[in-house]
Full PDB file with SEQRES, HELIX, SHEET, SSBOND, CRYST1, ORIGX, SCALE, CONECT and MASTER records, all heavy atoms in Angstrom:
SEQRES   1 A   39  SER PHE ASN PHE TYR VAL ARG ASP ASN LEU ASP GLN GLU          
SEQRES   2 A   39  GLY SER THR PHE GLN SER THR MET VAL TYR ILE TYR PRO          
SEQRES   3 A   39  PHE LYS LEU SER SER HIS ASN PHE LEU ILE ASN ALA TYR          
SHEET    1 AA1 2 PHE A   2  ASP A   8  0                                        
SHEET    2 AA1 2 SER A  15  MET A  21 -1                                        
SHEET    1 AA2 2 TYR A  23  LEU A  29  0                                        
SHEET    2 AA2 2 HIS A  32  ALA A  38 -1                                        
CRYST1    1.000    1.000    1.000  90.00  90.00  90.00 P 1           1          
ORIGX1      1.000000  0.000000  0.000000        0.00000                         
ORIGX2      0.000000  1.000000  0.000000        0.00000                         
ORIGX3      0.000000  0.000000  1.000000        0.00000                         
SCALE1      1.000000  0.000000  0.000000        0.00000                         
SCALE2      0.000000  1.000000  0.000000        0.00000                         
SCALE3      0.000000  0.000000  1.000000        0.00000                         
ATOM      1  N   SER A   1     -21.178-135.705 116.794  1.00  0.00           N  
ATOM      2  CA  SER A   1     -22.288-134.991 116.168  1.00  0.00           C  
ATOM      3  C   SER A   1     -21.932-133.530 115.974  1.00  0.00           C  
ATOM      4  O   SER A   1     -21.154-132.949 116.721  1.00  0.00           O  
ATOM      5  CB  SER A   1     -23.563-135.128 116.996  1.00  0.00           C  
ATOM      6  OG  SER A   1     -23.446-134.391 118.230  1.00  0.00           O  
ATOM      7  N   PHE A   2     -22.563-132.949 114.949  1.00  0.00           N  
ATOM      8  CA  PHE A   2     -22.400-131.514 114.659  1.00  0.00           C  
ATOM      9  C   PHE A   2     -23.787-130.935 114.411  1.00  0.00           C  
ATOM     10  O   PHE A   2     -24.565-131.439 113.583  1.00  0.00           O  
ATOM     11  CB  PHE A   2     -21.544-131.309 113.416  1.00  0.00           C  
ATOM     12  CG  PHE A   2     -21.327-129.865 113.053  1.00  0.00           C  
ATOM     13  CD1 PHE A   2     -20.344-129.108 113.657  1.00  0.00           C  
ATOM     14  CD2 PHE A   2     -22.160-129.248 112.110  1.00  0.00           C  
ATOM     15  CE1 PHE A   2     -20.158-127.777 113.339  1.00  0.00           C  
ATOM     16  CE2 PHE A   2     -21.991-127.923 111.782  1.00  0.00           C  
ATOM     17  CZ  PHE A   2     -20.992-127.169 112.391  1.00  0.00           C  
ATOM     18  N   ASN A   3     -24.134-129.888 115.171  1.00  0.00           N  
ATOM     19  CA  ASN A   3     -25.438-129.248 115.066  1.00  0.00           C  
ATOM     20  C   ASN A   3     -25.245-127.770 114.738  1.00  0.00           C  
ATOM     21  O   ASN A   3     -24.355-127.108 115.257  1.00  0.00           O  
ATOM     22  CB  ASN A   3     -26.199-129.356 116.396  1.00  0.00           C  
ATOM     23  CG  ASN A   3     -26.379-130.807 116.816  1.00  0.00           C  
ATOM     24  OD1 ASN A   3     -27.268-131.491 116.328  1.00  0.00           O  
ATOM     25  ND2 ASN A   3     -25.521-131.272 117.723  1.00  0.00           N  
ATOM     26  N   PHE A   4     -26.108-127.265 113.826  1.00  0.00           N  
ATOM     27  CA  PHE A   4     -26.052-125.861 113.434  1.00  0.00           C  
ATOM     28  C   PHE A   4     -27.425-125.252 113.683  1.00  0.00           C  
ATOM     29  O   PHE A   4     -28.455-125.743 113.210  1.00  0.00           O  
ATOM     30  CB  PHE A   4     -25.665-125.709 111.974  1.00  0.00           C  
ATOM     31  CG  PHE A   4     -25.331-124.305 111.588  1.00  0.00           C  
ATOM     32  CD1 PHE A   4     -24.071-123.775 111.873  1.00  0.00           C  
ATOM     33  CD2 PHE A   4     -26.250-123.505 110.945  1.00  0.00           C  
ATOM     34  CE1 PHE A   4     -23.758-122.480 111.526  1.00  0.00           C  
ATOM     35  CE2 PHE A   4     -25.973-122.198 110.616  1.00  0.00           C  
ATOM     36  CZ  PHE A   4     -24.699-121.668 110.892  1.00  0.00           C  
ATOM     37  N   TYR A   5     -27.425-124.130 114.455  1.00  0.00           N  
ATOM     38  CA  TYR A   5     -28.689-123.562 114.939  1.00  0.00           C  
ATOM     39  C   TYR A   5     -28.848-122.101 114.500  1.00  0.00           C  
ATOM     40  O   TYR A   5     -27.857-121.383 114.294  1.00  0.00           O  
ATOM     41  CB  TYR A   5     -28.721-123.539 116.465  1.00  0.00           C  
ATOM     42  CG  TYR A   5     -28.534-124.831 117.177  1.00  0.00           C  
ATOM     43  CD1 TYR A   5     -27.284-125.198 117.681  1.00  0.00           C  
ATOM     44  CD2 TYR A   5     -29.595-125.692 117.407  1.00  0.00           C  
ATOM     45  CE1 TYR A   5     -27.113-126.365 118.390  1.00  0.00           C  
ATOM     46  CE2 TYR A   5     -29.429-126.878 118.100  1.00  0.00           C  
ATOM     47  CZ  TYR A   5     -28.174-127.222 118.584  1.00  0.00           C  
ATOM     48  OH  TYR A   5     -28.005-128.376 119.300  1.00  0.00           O  
ATOM     49  N   VAL A   6     -30.104-121.679 114.448  1.00  0.00           N  
ATOM     50  CA  VAL A   6     -30.451-120.257 114.542  1.00  0.00           C  
ATOM     51  C   VAL A   6     -30.684-119.984 116.025  1.00  0.00           C  
ATOM     52  O   VAL A   6     -31.511-120.644 116.661  1.00  0.00           O  
ATOM     53  CB  VAL A   6     -31.709-119.924 113.725  1.00  0.00           C  
ATOM     54  CG1 VAL A   6     -32.120-118.456 113.971  1.00  0.00           C  
ATOM     55  CG2 VAL A   6     -31.472-120.170 112.236  1.00  0.00           C  
ATOM     56  N   ARG A   7     -29.935-119.029 116.564  1.00  0.00           N  
ATOM     57  CA  ARG A   7     -29.944-118.761 117.999  1.00  0.00           C  
ATOM     58  C   ARG A   7     -30.714-117.482 118.293  1.00  0.00           C  
ATOM     59  O   ARG A   7     -30.400-116.404 117.785  1.00  0.00           O  
ATOM     60  CB  ARG A   7     -28.518-118.628 118.530  1.00  0.00           C  
ATOM     61  CG  ARG A   7     -28.408-118.210 119.980  1.00  0.00           C  
ATOM     62  CD  ARG A   7     -26.937-117.995 120.380  1.00  0.00           C  
ATOM     63  NE  ARG A   7     -26.863-117.466 121.744  1.00  0.00           N  
ATOM     64  CZ  ARG A   7     -26.823-118.214 122.823  1.00  0.00           C  
ATOM     65  NH1 ARG A   7     -26.824-119.552 122.698  1.00  0.00           N  
ATOM     66  NH2 ARG A   7     -26.754-117.703 124.026  1.00  0.00           N  
ATOM     67  N   ASP A   8     -31.757-117.599 119.128  1.00  0.00           N  
ATOM     68  CA  ASP A   8     -32.569-116.455 119.531  1.00  0.00           C  
ATOM     69  C   ASP A   8     -32.391-116.254 121.031  1.00  0.00           C  
ATOM     70  O   ASP A   8     -32.938-116.992 121.842  1.00  0.00           O  
ATOM     71  CB  ASP A   8     -34.026-116.681 119.186  1.00  0.00           C  
ATOM     72  CG  ASP A   8     -34.921-115.499 119.566  1.00  0.00           C  
ATOM     73  OD1 ASP A   8     -34.367-114.391 119.805  1.00  0.00           O  
ATOM     74  OD2 ASP A   8     -36.155-115.680 119.624  1.00  0.00           O  
ATOM     75  N   ASN A   9     -31.592-115.260 121.402  1.00  0.00           N  
ATOM     76  CA  ASN A   9     -31.404-114.900 122.802  1.00  0.00           C  
ATOM     77  C   ASN A   9     -32.535-113.996 123.223  1.00  0.00           C  
ATOM     78  O   ASN A   9     -32.640-112.858 122.754  1.00  0.00           O  
ATOM     79  CB  ASN A   9     -30.039-114.213 122.988  1.00  0.00           C  
ATOM     80  CG  ASN A   9     -29.660-114.044 124.451  1.00  0.00           C  
ATOM     81  OD1 ASN A   9     -30.530-113.834 125.288  1.00  0.00           O  
ATOM     82  ND2 ASN A   9     -28.375-114.129 124.739  1.00  0.00           N  
ATOM     83  N   LEU A  10     -33.388-114.461 124.120  1.00  0.00           N  
ATOM     84  CA  LEU A  10     -34.577-113.703 124.520  1.00  0.00           C  
ATOM     85  C   LEU A  10     -34.239-112.450 125.324  1.00  0.00           C  
ATOM     86  O   LEU A  10     -35.105-111.594 125.491  1.00  0.00           O  
ATOM     87  CB  LEU A  10     -35.509-114.606 125.312  1.00  0.00           C  
ATOM     88  CG  LEU A  10     -35.960-115.900 124.626  1.00  0.00           C  
ATOM     89  CD1 LEU A  10     -36.938-116.636 125.502  1.00  0.00           C  
ATOM     90  CD2 LEU A  10     -36.557-115.645 123.269  1.00  0.00           C  
ATOM     91  N   ASP A  11     -33.011-112.372 125.819  1.00  0.00           N  
ATOM     92  CA  ASP A  11     -32.612-111.197 126.623  1.00  0.00           C  
ATOM     93  C   ASP A  11     -31.719-110.238 125.852  1.00  0.00           C  
ATOM     94  O   ASP A  11     -31.150-109.319 126.423  1.00  0.00           O  
ATOM     95  CB  ASP A  11     -31.904-111.669 127.903  1.00  0.00           C  
ATOM     96  CG  ASP A  11     -32.782-112.589 128.713  1.00  0.00           C  
ATOM     97  OD1 ASP A  11     -33.882-112.162 129.112  1.00  0.00           O  
ATOM     98  OD2 ASP A  11     -32.397-113.762 128.928  1.00  0.00           O  
ATOM     99  N   GLN A  12     -31.560-110.482 124.532  1.00  0.00           N  
ATOM    100  CA  GLN A  12     -30.772-109.602 123.678  1.00  0.00           C  
ATOM    101  C   GLN A  12     -31.573-109.319 122.413  1.00  0.00           C  
ATOM    102  O   GLN A  12     -32.523-110.020 122.092  1.00  0.00           O  
ATOM    103  CB  GLN A  12     -29.436-110.241 123.296  1.00  0.00           C  
ATOM    104  CG  GLN A  12     -28.575-110.678 124.466  1.00  0.00           C  
ATOM    105  CD  GLN A  12     -27.889-109.505 125.146  1.00  0.00           C  
ATOM    106  OE1 GLN A  12     -27.989-108.371 124.696  1.00  0.00           O  
ATOM    107  NE2 GLN A  12     -27.194-109.801 126.236  1.00  0.00           N  
ATOM    108  N   GLU A  13     -31.179-108.263 121.682  1.00  0.00           N  
ATOM    109  CA  GLU A  13     -31.852-107.943 120.433  1.00  0.00           C  
ATOM    110  C   GLU A  13     -31.296-108.763 119.290  1.00  0.00           C  
ATOM    111  O   GLU A  13     -30.092-108.998 119.227  1.00  0.00           O  
ATOM    112  CB  GLU A  13     -31.689-106.445 120.115  1.00  0.00           C  
ATOM    113  CG  GLU A  13     -32.404-105.520 121.090  1.00  0.00           C  
ATOM    114  CD  GLU A  13     -32.291-104.046 120.681  1.00  0.00           C  
ATOM    115  OE1 GLU A  13     -31.743-103.800 119.605  1.00  0.00           O  
ATOM    116  OE2 GLU A  13     -32.746-103.197 121.467  1.00  0.00           O  
ATOM    117  N   GLY A  14     -32.197-109.184 118.382  1.00  0.00           N  
ATOM    118  CA  GLY A  14     -31.743-109.883 117.178  1.00  0.00           C  
ATOM    119  C   GLY A  14     -31.459-111.349 117.404  1.00  0.00           C  
ATOM    120  O   GLY A  14     -31.516-111.871 118.524  1.00  0.00           O  
ATOM    121  N   SER A  15     -31.134-112.022 116.281  1.00  0.00           N  
ATOM    122  CA  SER A  15     -30.790-113.444 116.301  1.00  0.00           C  
ATOM    123  C   SER A  15     -29.436-113.642 115.647  1.00  0.00           C  
ATOM    124  O   SER A  15     -28.948-112.786 114.925  1.00  0.00           O  
ATOM    125  CB  SER A  15     -31.841-114.270 115.549  1.00  0.00           C  
ATOM    126  OG  SER A  15     -33.114-114.133 116.162  1.00  0.00           O  
ATOM    127  N   THR A  16     -28.828-114.790 115.894  1.00  0.00           N  
ATOM    128  CA  THR A  16     -27.530-115.091 115.315  1.00  0.00           C  
ATOM    129  C   THR A  16     -27.446-116.593 115.067  1.00  0.00           C  
ATOM    130  O   THR A  16     -28.476-117.295 115.127  1.00  0.00           O  
ATOM    131  CB  THR A  16     -26.397-114.610 116.244  1.00  0.00           C  
ATOM    132  OG1 THR A  16     -25.152-114.859 115.594  1.00  0.00           O  
ATOM    133  CG2 THR A  16     -26.415-115.356 117.560  1.00  0.00           C  
ATOM    134  N   PHE A  17     -26.273-117.104 114.769  1.00  0.00           N  
ATOM    135  CA  PHE A  17     -26.072-118.517 114.465  1.00  0.00           C  
ATOM    136  C   PHE A  17     -25.098-119.130 115.504  1.00  0.00           C  
ATOM    137  O   PHE A  17     -24.230-118.456 116.028  1.00  0.00           O  
ATOM    138  CB  PHE A  17     -25.511-118.719 113.057  1.00  0.00           C  
ATOM    139  CG  PHE A  17     -26.411-118.226 111.965  1.00  0.00           C  
ATOM    140  CD1 PHE A  17     -26.178-116.998 111.357  1.00  0.00           C  
ATOM    141  CD2 PHE A  17     -27.504-118.982 111.556  1.00  0.00           C  
ATOM    142  CE1 PHE A  17     -26.989-116.552 110.357  1.00  0.00           C  
ATOM    143  CE2 PHE A  17     -28.335-118.522 110.565  1.00  0.00           C  
ATOM    144  CZ  PHE A  17     -28.086-117.311 109.958  1.00  0.00           C  
ATOM    145  N   GLN A  18     -25.310-120.419 115.721  1.00  0.00           N  
ATOM    146  CA  GLN A  18     -24.431-121.154 116.647  1.00  0.00           C  
ATOM    147  C   GLN A  18     -24.212-122.560 116.136  1.00  0.00           C  
ATOM    148  O   GLN A  18     -25.131-123.183 115.614  1.00  0.00           O  
ATOM    149  CB  GLN A  18     -25.006-121.198 118.065  1.00  0.00           C  
ATOM    150  CG  GLN A  18     -24.181-122.047 119.039  1.00  0.00           C  
ATOM    151  CD  GLN A  18     -24.726-122.050 120.443  1.00  0.00           C  
ATOM    152  OE1 GLN A  18     -25.224-121.023 120.936  1.00  0.00           O  
ATOM    153  NE2 GLN A  18     -24.640-123.184 121.128  1.00  0.00           N  
ATOM    154  N   SER A  19     -23.006-123.074 116.281  1.00  0.00           N  
ATOM    155  CA  SER A  19     -22.743-124.479 115.996  1.00  0.00           C  
ATOM    156  C   SER A  19     -22.287-125.160 117.288  1.00  0.00           C  
ATOM    157  O   SER A  19     -21.640-124.532 118.140  1.00  0.00           O  
ATOM    158  CB  SER A  19     -21.665-124.644 114.922  1.00  0.00           C  
ATOM    159  OG  SER A  19     -20.406-124.157 115.380  1.00  0.00           O  
ATOM    160  N   THR A  20     -22.615-126.426 117.420  1.00  0.00           N  
ATOM    161  CA  THR A  20     -22.222-127.219 118.585  1.00  0.00           C  
ATOM    162  C   THR A  20     -21.695-128.582 118.107  1.00  0.00           C  
ATOM    163  O   THR A  20     -22.424-129.297 117.412  1.00  0.00           O  
ATOM    164  CB  THR A  20     -23.400-127.429 119.557  1.00  0.00           C  
ATOM    165  OG1 THR A  20     -23.834-126.168 120.038  1.00  0.00           O  
ATOM    166  CG2 THR A  20     -22.976-128.291 120.736  1.00  0.00           C  
ATOM    167  N   MET A  21     -20.476-128.877 118.444  1.00  0.00           N  
ATOM    168  CA  MET A  21     -19.893-130.188 118.162  1.00  0.00           C  
ATOM    169  C   MET A  21     -19.757-130.965 119.469  1.00  0.00           C  
ATOM    170  O   MET A  21     -19.309-130.402 120.471  1.00  0.00           O  
ATOM    171  CB  MET A  21     -18.521-130.039 117.498  1.00  0.00           C  
ATOM    172  CG  MET A  21     -17.877-131.384 117.132  1.00  0.00           C  
ATOM    173  SD  MET A  21     -16.226-131.195 116.435  1.00  0.00           S  
ATOM    174  CE  MET A  21     -15.298-130.724 117.914  1.00  0.00           C  
ATOM    175  N   VAL A  22     -20.167-132.225 119.447  1.00  0.00           N  
ATOM    176  CA  VAL A  22     -20.120-133.078 120.642  1.00  0.00           C  
ATOM    177  C   VAL A  22     -19.475-134.406 120.260  1.00  0.00           C  
ATOM    178  O   VAL A  22     -19.769-134.947 119.194  1.00  0.00           O  
ATOM    179  CB  VAL A  22     -21.534-133.322 121.224  1.00  0.00           C  
ATOM    180  CG1 VAL A  22     -21.462-134.204 122.452  1.00  0.00           C  
ATOM    181  CG2 VAL A  22     -22.219-132.001 121.533  1.00  0.00           C  
ATOM    182  N   TYR A  23     -18.612-134.895 121.150  1.00  0.00           N  
ATOM    183  CA  TYR A  23     -18.057-136.241 120.888  1.00  0.00           C  
ATOM    184  C   TYR A  23     -17.867-137.009 122.180  1.00  0.00           C  
ATOM    185  O   TYR A  23     -17.666-136.420 123.254  1.00  0.00           O  
ATOM    186  CB  TYR A  23     -16.773-136.202 120.094  1.00  0.00           C  
ATOM    187  CG  TYR A  23     -15.579-135.597 120.794  1.00  0.00           C  
ATOM    188  CD1 TYR A  23     -14.789-136.358 121.655  1.00  0.00           C  
ATOM    189  CD2 TYR A  23     -15.220-134.263 120.586  1.00  0.00           C  
ATOM    190  CE1 TYR A  23     -13.690-135.816 122.287  1.00  0.00           C  
ATOM    191  CE2 TYR A  23     -14.119-133.720 121.222  1.00  0.00           C  
ATOM    192  CZ  TYR A  23     -13.360-134.507 122.058  1.00  0.00           C  
ATOM    193  OH  TYR A  23     -12.272-133.943 122.700  1.00  0.00           O  
ATOM    194  N   ILE A  24     -17.945-138.346 122.069  1.00  0.00           N  
ATOM    195  CA  ILE A  24     -17.681-139.264 123.166  1.00  0.00           C  
ATOM    196  C   ILE A  24     -16.721-140.320 122.644  1.00  0.00           C  
ATOM    197  O   ILE A  24     -17.027-140.994 121.642  1.00  0.00           O  
ATOM    198  CB  ILE A  24     -18.965-139.916 123.693  1.00  0.00           C  
ATOM    199  CG1 ILE A  24     -19.955-138.875 124.207  1.00  0.00           C  
ATOM    200  CG2 ILE A  24     -18.646-140.919 124.815  1.00  0.00           C  
ATOM    201  CD1 ILE A  24     -21.296-139.456 124.624  1.00  0.00           C  
ATOM    202  N   TYR A  25     -15.603-140.465 123.316  1.00  0.00           N  
ATOM    203  CA  TYR A  25     -14.566-141.400 122.840  1.00  0.00           C  
ATOM    204  C   TYR A  25     -14.106-142.309 123.993  1.00  0.00           C  
ATOM    205  O   TYR A  25     -13.391-141.854 124.889  1.00  0.00           O  
ATOM    206  CB  TYR A  25     -13.382-140.638 122.293  1.00  0.00           C  
ATOM    207  CG  TYR A  25     -12.296-141.518 121.687  1.00  0.00           C  
ATOM    208  CD1 TYR A  25     -12.469-142.059 120.420  1.00  0.00           C  
ATOM    209  CD2 TYR A  25     -11.134-141.806 122.392  1.00  0.00           C  
ATOM    210  CE1 TYR A  25     -11.499-142.864 119.858  1.00  0.00           C  
ATOM    211  CE2 TYR A  25     -10.167-142.625 121.843  1.00  0.00           C  
ATOM    212  CZ  TYR A  25     -10.341-143.151 120.576  1.00  0.00           C  
ATOM    213  OH  TYR A  25      -9.369-143.973 120.009  1.00  0.00           O  
ATOM    214  N   PRO A  26     -14.509-143.590 123.987  1.00  0.00           N  
ATOM    215  CA  PRO A  26     -14.039-144.529 125.016  1.00  0.00           C  
ATOM    216  C   PRO A  26     -12.721-145.179 124.559  1.00  0.00           C  
ATOM    217  O   PRO A  26     -12.488-145.406 123.374  1.00  0.00           O  
ATOM    218  CB  PRO A  26     -15.165-145.558 125.082  1.00  0.00           C  
ATOM    219  CG  PRO A  26     -15.758-145.549 123.699  1.00  0.00           C  
ATOM    220  CD  PRO A  26     -15.562-144.167 123.134  1.00  0.00           C  
ATOM    221  N   PHE A  27     -11.860-145.487 125.522  1.00  0.00           N  
ATOM    222  CA  PHE A  27     -10.615-146.183 125.179  1.00  0.00           C  
ATOM    223  C   PHE A  27     -10.105-146.946 126.401  1.00  0.00           C  
ATOM    224  O   PHE A  27     -10.563-146.729 127.526  1.00  0.00           O  
ATOM    225  CB  PHE A  27      -9.571-145.183 124.689  1.00  0.00           C  
ATOM    226  CG  PHE A  27      -9.121-144.161 125.708  1.00  0.00           C  
ATOM    227  CD1 PHE A  27      -7.968-144.355 126.457  1.00  0.00           C  
ATOM    228  CD2 PHE A  27      -9.854-143.016 125.912  1.00  0.00           C  
ATOM    229  CE1 PHE A  27      -7.557-143.421 127.389  1.00  0.00           C  
ATOM    230  CE2 PHE A  27      -9.455-142.067 126.836  1.00  0.00           C  
ATOM    231  CZ  PHE A  27      -8.309-142.275 127.589  1.00  0.00           C  
ATOM    232  N   LYS A  28      -9.144-147.833 126.165  1.00  0.00           N  
ATOM    233  CA  LYS A  28      -8.575-148.654 127.219  1.00  0.00           C  
ATOM    234  C   LYS A  28      -7.068-148.463 127.266  1.00  0.00           C  
ATOM    235  O   LYS A  28      -6.410-148.320 126.236  1.00  0.00           O  
ATOM    236  CB  LYS A  28      -8.889-150.133 126.976  1.00  0.00           C  
ATOM    237  CG  LYS A  28     -10.375-150.482 127.071  1.00  0.00           C  
ATOM    238  CD  LYS A  28     -10.600-151.989 126.930  1.00  0.00           C  
ATOM    239  CE  LYS A  28     -10.055-152.720 128.144  1.00  0.00           C  
ATOM    240  NZ  LYS A  28     -10.410-154.175 128.121  1.00  0.00           N  
ATOM    241  N   LEU A  29      -6.514-148.454 128.474  1.00  0.00           N  
ATOM    242  CA  LEU A  29      -5.079-148.524 128.721  1.00  0.00           C  
ATOM    243  C   LEU A  29      -4.818-149.730 129.586  1.00  0.00           C  
ATOM    244  O   LEU A  29      -5.256-149.741 130.744  1.00  0.00           O  
ATOM    245  CB  LEU A  29      -4.589-147.242 129.392  1.00  0.00           C  
ATOM    246  CG  LEU A  29      -4.630-145.957 128.558  1.00  0.00           C  
ATOM    247  CD1 LEU A  29      -4.175-144.763 129.397  1.00  0.00           C  
ATOM    248  CD2 LEU A  29      -3.751-146.077 127.308  1.00  0.00           C  
ATOM    249  N   SER A  30      -4.219-150.708 128.994  1.00  0.00           N  
ATOM    250  CA  SER A  30      -4.039-151.977 129.667  1.00  0.00           C  
ATOM    251  C   SER A  30      -5.424-152.559 129.994  1.00  0.00           C  
ATOM    252  O   SER A  30      -6.254-152.694 129.095  1.00  0.00           O  
ATOM    253  CB  SER A  30      -3.181-151.816 130.934  1.00  0.00           C  
ATOM    254  OG  SER A  30      -2.947-153.063 131.561  1.00  0.00           O  
ATOM    255  N   SER A  31      -5.733-152.823 131.235  1.00  0.00           N  
ATOM    256  CA  SER A  31      -7.059-153.343 131.590  1.00  0.00           C  
ATOM    257  C   SER A  31      -7.964-152.253 132.165  1.00  0.00           C  
ATOM    258  O   SER A  31      -9.022-152.563 132.698  1.00  0.00           O  
ATOM    259  CB  SER A  31      -6.896-154.469 132.637  1.00  0.00           C  
ATOM    260  OG  SER A  31      -6.242-153.969 133.808  1.00  0.00           O  
ATOM    261  N   HIS A  32      -7.564-150.994 132.008  1.00  0.00           N  
ATOM    262  CA  HIS A  32      -8.328-149.878 132.579  1.00  0.00           C  
ATOM    263  C   HIS A  32      -9.167-149.188 131.497  1.00  0.00           C  
ATOM    264  O   HIS A  32      -8.678-148.939 130.378  1.00  0.00           O  
ATOM    265  CB  HIS A  32      -7.381-148.875 133.248  1.00  0.00           C  
ATOM    266  CG  HIS A  32      -6.521-149.457 134.305  1.00  0.00           C  
ATOM    267  ND1 HIS A  32      -6.991-149.765 135.561  1.00  0.00           N  
ATOM    268  CD2 HIS A  32      -5.213-149.817 134.303  1.00  0.00           C  
ATOM    269  CE1 HIS A  32      -6.013-150.281 136.291  1.00  0.00           C  
ATOM    270  NE2 HIS A  32      -4.923-150.330 135.539  1.00  0.00           N  
ATOM    271  N   ASN A  33     -10.418-148.893 131.829  1.00  0.00           N  
ATOM    272  CA  ASN A  33     -11.337-148.292 130.893  1.00  0.00           C  
ATOM    273  C   ASN A  33     -11.475-146.801 131.182  1.00  0.00           C  
ATOM    274  O   ASN A  33     -11.696-146.372 132.318  1.00  0.00           O  
ATOM    275  CB  ASN A  33     -12.705-148.958 130.993  1.00  0.00           C  
ATOM    276  CG  ASN A  33     -12.689-150.400 130.570  1.00  0.00           C  
ATOM    277  OD1 ASN A  33     -12.163-150.727 129.513  1.00  0.00           O  
ATOM    278  ND2 ASN A  33     -13.232-151.273 131.382  1.00  0.00           N  
ATOM    279  N   PHE A  34     -11.376-145.998 130.097  1.00  0.00           N  
ATOM    280  CA  PHE A  34     -11.504-144.559 130.181  1.00  0.00           C  
ATOM    281  C   PHE A  34     -12.526-144.057 129.149  1.00  0.00           C  
ATOM    282  O   PHE A  34     -12.893-144.785 128.225  1.00  0.00           O  
ATOM    283  CB  PHE A  34     -10.160-143.863 129.890  1.00  0.00           C  
ATOM    284  CG  PHE A  34      -9.076-144.161 130.889  1.00  0.00           C  
ATOM    285  CD1 PHE A  34      -8.266-145.280 130.739  1.00  0.00           C  
ATOM    286  CD2 PHE A  34      -8.855-143.313 131.960  1.00  0.00           C  
ATOM    287  CE1 PHE A  34      -7.267-145.552 131.664  1.00  0.00           C  
ATOM    288  CE2 PHE A  34      -7.860-143.572 132.893  1.00  0.00           C  
ATOM    289  CZ  PHE A  34      -7.077-144.712 132.732  1.00  0.00           C  
ATOM    290  N   LEU A  35     -12.937-142.834 129.337  1.00  0.00           N  
ATOM    291  CA  LEU A  35     -13.840-142.194 128.366  1.00  0.00           C  
ATOM    292  C   LEU A  35     -13.598-140.690 128.379  1.00  0.00           C  
ATOM    293  O   LEU A  35     -13.487-140.082 129.456  1.00  0.00           O  
ATOM    294  CB  LEU A  35     -15.310-142.520 128.717  1.00  0.00           C  
ATOM    295  CG  LEU A  35     -16.381-141.967 127.756  1.00  0.00           C  
ATOM    296  CD1 LEU A  35     -17.533-142.945 127.624  1.00  0.00           C  
ATOM    297  CD2 LEU A  35     -16.927-140.629 128.290  1.00  0.00           C  
ATOM    298  N   ILE A  36     -13.509-140.105 127.185  1.00  0.00           N  
ATOM    299  CA  ILE A  36     -13.417-138.661 127.034  1.00  0.00           C  
ATOM    300  C   ILE A  36     -14.676-138.158 126.372  1.00  0.00           C  
ATOM    301  O   ILE A  36     -15.098-138.707 125.343  1.00  0.00           O  
ATOM    302  CB  ILE A  36     -12.188-138.259 126.181  1.00  0.00           C  
ATOM    303  CG1 ILE A  36     -10.891-138.666 126.878  1.00  0.00           C  
ATOM    304  CG2 ILE A  36     -12.171-136.753 125.925  1.00  0.00           C  
ATOM    305  CD1 ILE A  36      -9.664-138.413 126.021  1.00  0.00           C  
ATOM    306  N   ASN A  37     -15.316-137.155 126.930  1.00  0.00           N  
ATOM    307  CA  ASN A  37     -16.432-136.512 126.274  1.00  0.00           C  
ATOM    308  C   ASN A  37     -16.245-135.002 126.316  1.00  0.00           C  
ATOM    309  O   ASN A  37     -15.643-134.469 127.245  1.00  0.00           O  
ATOM    310  CB  ASN A  37     -17.772-136.911 126.886  1.00  0.00           C  
ATOM    311  CG  ASN A  37     -17.948-136.414 128.300  1.00  0.00           C  
ATOM    312  OD1 ASN A  37     -17.420-137.013 129.237  1.00  0.00           O  
ATOM    313  ND2 ASN A  37     -18.677-135.335 128.467  1.00  0.00           N  
ATOM    314  N   ALA A  38     -16.701-134.301 125.260  1.00  0.00           N  
ATOM    315  CA  ALA A  38     -16.447-132.882 125.150  1.00  0.00           C  
ATOM    316  C   ALA A  38     -17.488-132.249 124.232  1.00  0.00           C  
ATOM    317  O   ALA A  38     -18.150-132.936 123.453  1.00  0.00           O  
ATOM    318  CB  ALA A  38     -15.040-132.623 124.597  1.00  0.00           C  
ATOM    319  N   TYR A  39     -17.597-130.917 124.345  1.00  0.00           N  
ATOM    320  CA  TYR A  39     -18.405-130.146 123.414  1.00  0.00           C  
ATOM    321  C   TYR A  39     -17.654-128.867 123.077  1.00  0.00           C  
ATOM    322  O   TYR A  39     -16.808-128.383 123.848  1.00  0.00           O  
ATOM    323  CB  TYR A  39     -19.789-129.821 123.986  1.00  0.00           C  
ATOM    324  CG  TYR A  39     -19.752-128.722 125.035  1.00  0.00           C  
ATOM    325  CD1 TYR A  39     -19.851-127.366 124.704  1.00  0.00           C  
ATOM    326  CD2 TYR A  39     -19.649-129.030 126.412  1.00  0.00           C  
ATOM    327  CE1 TYR A  39     -19.805-126.374 125.661  1.00  0.00           C  
ATOM    328  CE2 TYR A  39     -19.622-128.054 127.353  1.00  0.00           C  
ATOM    329  CZ  TYR A  39     -19.701-126.712 126.985  1.00  0.00           C  
ATOM    330  OH  TYR A  39     -19.645-125.731 127.927  1.00  0.00           O  
TER     331      TYR A  39                                                      
MASTER        0    0    0    0    4    0    0    6  330    1    0    3          
END                                                                             
């Protein structure tokens, strides 16, 4: 997923923009199950 925001930091002056990319990727090595997730 990819999200694009207007960011309002309540402890700073003004607003800015932020993007957040998130992914989850499961995979197998032989009979072993793994998963990678990141942002």
